[in-house]
């Protein structure tokens, strides 16, 4: 009987750690792979889950491809 609460607690800890948000910086890059603009002008920072950062990066890449012939990258800071 004591195993059920222990398993629930373990599951909750795993769930919280998976959904934990971390600091990410996402930047537009030129076609040469350099940051667009000086002083992080083409960058945004914030706390995102890994999935949110991947979605943001995908949207930025699509926009960069069509508007500046570049790309984008999100990195954990």
N, C-alpha and C. Protein backbone atom coordinates (compact mmCIF):
# COMPACT_ATOMS: atom_id res chain seq x y z
N UNK A 1 0.82 -1.20 0.00
CA UNK A 1 0.00 0.00 0.00
C UNK A 1 0.86 1.27 0.00
N UNK A 2 2.02 1.23 0.63
CA UNK A 2 2.87 2.42 0.70
C UNK A 2 3.54 2.72 -0.63
N UNK A 3 3.53 1.76 -1.54
CA UNK A 3 4.18 1.97 -2.83
C UNK A 3 3.41 2.95 -3.70
N UNK A 4 2.10 2.97 -3.59
CA UNK A 4 1.29 3.84 -4.45
C UNK A 4 1.59 5.32 -4.20
N UNK A 5 1.59 5.82 -2.95
CA UNK A 5 1.93 7.23 -2.75
C UNK A 5 3.36 7.55 -3.18
N UNK A 6 4.27 6.62 -2.97
CA UNK A 6 5.65 6.83 -3.38
C UNK A 6 5.76 6.93 -4.90
N UNK A 7 5.05 6.07 -5.61
CA UNK A 7 5.05 6.13 -7.07
C UNK A 7 4.39 7.41 -7.57
N UNK A 8 3.33 7.85 -6.93
CA UNK A 8 2.69 9.11 -7.31
C UNK A 8 3.62 10.29 -7.10
N UNK A 9 4.34 10.29 -5.99
CA UNK A 9 5.30 11.36 -5.71
C UNK A 9 6.41 11.36 -6.76
N UNK A 10 6.94 10.20 -7.08
CA UNK A 10 7.98 10.08 -8.08
C UNK A 10 7.48 10.58 -9.44
N UNK A 11 6.27 10.18 -9.81
CA UNK A 11 5.68 10.63 -11.07
C UNK A 11 5.50 12.13 -11.12
N UNK A 12 5.09 12.72 -10.02
CA UNK A 12 4.92 14.17 -9.94
C UNK A 12 6.26 14.88 -10.10
N UNK A 13 7.29 14.37 -9.46
CA UNK A 13 8.63 14.96 -9.57
C UNK A 13 9.11 14.90 -11.02
N UNK A 14 8.92 13.77 -11.67
CA UNK A 14 9.33 13.63 -13.07
C UNK A 14 8.55 14.60 -13.96
N UNK A 15 7.26 14.70 -13.74
CA UNK A 15 6.42 15.60 -14.54
C UNK A 15 6.85 17.05 -14.38
N UNK A 16 7.13 17.47 -13.16
CA UNK A 16 7.56 18.84 -12.91
C UNK A 16 8.91 19.11 -13.55
N UNK A 17 9.83 18.17 -13.46
CA UNK A 17 11.16 18.39 -14.03
C UNK A 17 11.11 18.45 -15.56
N UNK A 18 10.20 17.71 -16.18
CA UNK A 18 10.07 17.73 -17.63
C UNK A 18 9.51 19.07 -18.11
N UNK A 19 8.55 19.60 -17.38
CA UNK A 19 7.90 20.83 -17.81
C UNK A 19 8.62 22.08 -17.31
N UNK A 20 9.75 21.92 -16.68
CA UNK A 20 10.50 23.04 -16.11
C UNK A 20 10.97 23.99 -17.22
N UNK A 21 10.81 25.26 -17.00
CA UNK A 21 11.23 26.26 -17.97
C UNK A 21 12.65 26.72 -17.66
N UNK A 22 13.40 26.96 -18.71
CA UNK A 22 14.79 27.39 -18.59
C UNK A 22 14.98 28.68 -19.37
N UNK A 23 16.09 29.36 -19.13
CA UNK A 23 16.40 30.58 -19.86
C UNK A 23 16.95 30.23 -21.24
N UNK A 24 16.34 30.80 -22.25
CA UNK A 24 16.78 30.62 -23.63
C UNK A 24 17.00 31.98 -24.27
N UNK A 25 17.95 32.03 -25.20
CA UNK A 25 18.14 33.20 -26.03
C UNK A 25 18.00 32.74 -27.48
N UNK A 26 17.12 33.40 -28.20
CA UNK A 26 16.86 33.06 -29.60
C UNK A 26 17.28 34.25 -30.45
N UNK A 27 18.11 33.98 -31.46
CA UNK A 27 18.65 35.06 -32.29
C UNK A 27 18.48 34.75 -33.77
N UNK A 28 18.24 35.81 -34.54
CA UNK A 28 18.27 35.70 -35.99
C UNK A 28 19.73 35.67 -36.42
N UNK A 29 20.03 34.85 -37.42
CA UNK A 29 21.40 34.72 -37.93
C UNK A 29 21.42 35.03 -39.42
N UNK A 30 22.55 35.59 -39.86
CA UNK A 30 22.73 35.83 -41.29
C UNK A 30 22.98 34.49 -41.98
N UNK A 31 23.04 34.52 -43.29
CA UNK A 31 23.31 33.28 -44.04
C UNK A 31 24.70 32.73 -43.73
N UNK A 32 25.59 33.57 -43.18
CA UNK A 32 26.93 33.13 -42.79
C UNK A 32 26.95 32.58 -41.36
N UNK A 33 25.81 32.64 -40.66
CA UNK A 33 25.74 32.11 -39.30
C UNK A 33 26.08 33.11 -38.21
N UNK A 34 26.21 34.40 -38.57
CA UNK A 34 26.52 35.44 -37.59
C UNK A 34 25.22 36.09 -37.11
N UNK A 35 25.24 36.58 -35.88
CA UNK A 35 24.04 37.24 -35.34
C UNK A 35 23.70 38.47 -36.16
N UNK A 36 22.41 38.65 -36.33
CA UNK A 36 21.92 39.79 -37.09
C UNK A 36 21.91 41.02 -36.20
N UNK A 37 22.58 42.07 -36.60
CA UNK A 37 22.60 43.30 -35.81
C UNK A 37 23.62 43.25 -34.70
N UNK A 38 23.88 44.40 -34.12
CA UNK A 38 24.84 44.51 -33.02
C UNK A 38 24.12 44.48 -31.68
N UNK A 39 24.82 44.09 -30.65
CA UNK A 39 24.30 44.10 -29.28
C UNK A 39 22.98 43.34 -29.14
N UNK A 40 22.92 42.18 -29.72
CA UNK A 40 21.74 41.31 -29.60
C UNK A 40 20.46 41.97 -30.10
N UNK A 41 20.56 42.85 -31.07
CA UNK A 41 19.40 43.54 -31.62
C UNK A 41 18.38 42.56 -32.20
N UNK A 42 18.86 41.51 -32.84
CA UNK A 42 17.97 40.52 -33.45
C UNK A 42 17.71 39.33 -32.55
N UNK A 43 17.81 39.52 -31.23
CA UNK A 43 17.65 38.42 -30.28
C UNK A 43 16.50 38.67 -29.32
N UNK A 44 15.97 37.60 -28.79
CA UNK A 44 14.98 37.67 -27.73
C UNK A 44 15.36 36.65 -26.67
N UNK A 45 15.09 36.97 -25.43
CA UNK A 45 15.41 36.07 -24.32
C UNK A 45 14.18 35.87 -23.46
N UNK A 46 14.13 34.73 -22.81
CA UNK A 46 13.02 34.46 -21.91
C UNK A 46 13.08 33.06 -21.35
N UNK A 47 12.15 32.79 -20.45
CA UNK A 47 12.04 31.45 -19.86
C UNK A 47 11.04 30.65 -20.68
N UNK A 48 11.52 29.57 -21.27
CA UNK A 48 10.69 28.72 -22.11
C UNK A 48 10.93 27.27 -21.76
N UNK A 49 9.91 26.45 -21.98
CA UNK A 49 10.13 25.01 -21.93
C UNK A 49 10.88 24.64 -23.21
N UNK A 50 11.43 23.44 -23.25
CA UNK A 50 12.16 23.03 -24.44
C UNK A 50 11.26 23.06 -25.67
N UNK A 51 10.03 22.61 -25.52
CA UNK A 51 9.07 22.61 -26.63
C UNK A 51 8.74 24.02 -27.10
N UNK A 52 8.56 24.94 -26.15
CA UNK A 52 8.27 26.33 -26.51
C UNK A 52 9.45 26.94 -27.26
N UNK A 53 10.67 26.65 -26.80
CA UNK A 53 11.87 27.18 -27.46
C UNK A 53 11.99 26.61 -28.87
N UNK A 54 11.69 25.32 -29.03
CA UNK A 54 11.74 24.71 -30.36
C UNK A 54 10.69 25.32 -31.29
N UNK A 55 9.49 25.57 -30.77
CA UNK A 55 8.44 26.19 -31.58
C UNK A 55 8.82 27.62 -31.97
N UNK A 56 9.38 28.38 -31.03
CA UNK A 56 9.81 29.74 -31.31
C UNK A 56 10.91 29.74 -32.36
N UNK A 57 11.87 28.84 -32.20
CA UNK A 57 12.97 28.74 -33.16
C UNK A 57 12.44 28.41 -34.56
N UNK A 58 11.50 27.48 -34.65
CA UNK A 58 10.94 27.11 -35.95
C UNK A 58 10.25 28.31 -36.61
N UNK A 59 9.50 29.07 -35.84
CA UNK A 59 8.84 30.26 -36.37
C UNK A 59 9.83 31.32 -36.82
N UNK A 60 10.89 31.49 -36.03
CA UNK A 60 11.91 32.48 -36.38
C UNK A 60 12.67 32.04 -37.64
N UNK A 61 12.94 30.75 -37.76
CA UNK A 61 13.64 30.25 -38.94
C UNK A 61 12.80 30.50 -40.19
N UNK A 62 11.51 30.21 -40.10
CA UNK A 62 10.62 30.43 -41.25
C UNK A 62 10.61 31.90 -41.65
N UNK A 63 10.51 32.78 -40.67
CA UNK A 63 10.50 34.22 -40.95
C UNK A 63 11.84 34.66 -41.52
N UNK A 64 12.94 34.17 -40.94
CA UNK A 64 14.27 34.55 -41.41
C UNK A 64 14.50 34.08 -42.85
N UNK A 65 14.03 32.89 -43.17
CA UNK A 65 14.20 32.37 -44.54
C UNK A 65 13.49 33.24 -45.57
N UNK A 66 12.31 33.72 -45.23
CA UNK A 66 11.54 34.50 -46.21
C UNK A 66 11.92 35.97 -46.24
N UNK A 67 12.35 36.53 -45.12
CA UNK A 67 12.59 37.97 -45.07
C UNK A 67 14.05 38.39 -45.22
N UNK A 68 14.98 37.60 -44.70
CA UNK A 68 16.38 38.03 -44.73
C UNK A 68 17.31 36.98 -45.33
N UNK A 69 16.77 35.91 -45.86
CA UNK A 69 17.57 34.80 -46.40
C UNK A 69 18.59 34.31 -45.36
N UNK A 70 18.15 34.27 -44.12
CA UNK A 70 19.01 33.79 -43.04
C UNK A 70 18.35 32.66 -42.29
N UNK A 71 18.71 32.54 -41.02
CA UNK A 71 18.15 31.49 -40.18
C UNK A 71 18.03 32.02 -38.75
N UNK A 72 17.74 31.16 -37.82
CA UNK A 72 17.62 31.54 -36.42
C UNK A 72 18.06 30.36 -35.56
N UNK A 73 18.41 30.67 -34.31
CA UNK A 73 18.87 29.63 -33.39
C UNK A 73 18.49 30.01 -31.97
N UNK A 74 17.95 29.04 -31.22
CA UNK A 74 17.67 29.22 -29.80
C UNK A 74 18.66 28.38 -29.01
N UNK A 75 19.26 29.00 -28.00
CA UNK A 75 20.22 28.30 -27.15
C UNK A 75 19.89 28.54 -25.70
N UNK A 76 20.12 27.52 -24.90
CA UNK A 76 19.94 27.64 -23.46
C UNK A 76 21.10 28.47 -22.90
N UNK A 77 20.77 29.45 -22.06
CA UNK A 77 21.81 30.29 -21.45
C UNK A 77 21.91 30.05 -19.97
